[in-house]
């Protein structure tokens, strides 16, 4: 169990997504002649692939959806550097996990280019050993499995705020930590092995998991 890996979802877990993504999505909708959706409707979709955003917000054909995705990316180039934020305590939490010997990884349903841009814009890119995005057709569970395999981890834990994260942890036989401060509902997080109300609680929960393993 020498290699330890903490796997994080991105949006709603590390990245306080609405700060930068709501204005980017609203501007992309307006560019196409749509009434911009209210923030609460957009926030409910974080963690889903972009095609779900297209279906739920625009109910449009593939051509419009493609333009919408391009518009979001274009506007994010402005809104992320200007407005992007980590949740309070994220940076310290990541440093503390690295200090106790953890590899850090991101596994998101967003594309790899988005993950790289967000982590770079927020100044945390160099903290991660691996970044896994939704490229190709692998499920989130499959991508979590790839991270575990590629790091050779003897102990892994998944931290996230949506049902994909909890399900992916379960299907890979690793513990899950549900982030109640993110965008998932309390019902979604009810299947998590542990829940936290703030990033500051994450290191303590992971340390407790390690202690329980060592006692056994």
Foldseek 3Di string as FASTA:
>chain_A
DQAEAEEEAPAQFWKVPLQQQLVQLQVLCVVVVHHRDDSLQVQLCAQPALVVVCCSVPVDDPVSSVSSVVSSVVSSVPRLLVGIDTFPPNVVLLVVCVVVPYAYEYQGQYAPVVVCVNCVSHVNNVSHPYYHYNDDPDQSLRVVVVVCVVSVHPAYEYEYAALSRQVSCVVVVHAYEHEPSGRHHVVSCPSHPHYDPGSVCVVVVVVVVVVVVVVD
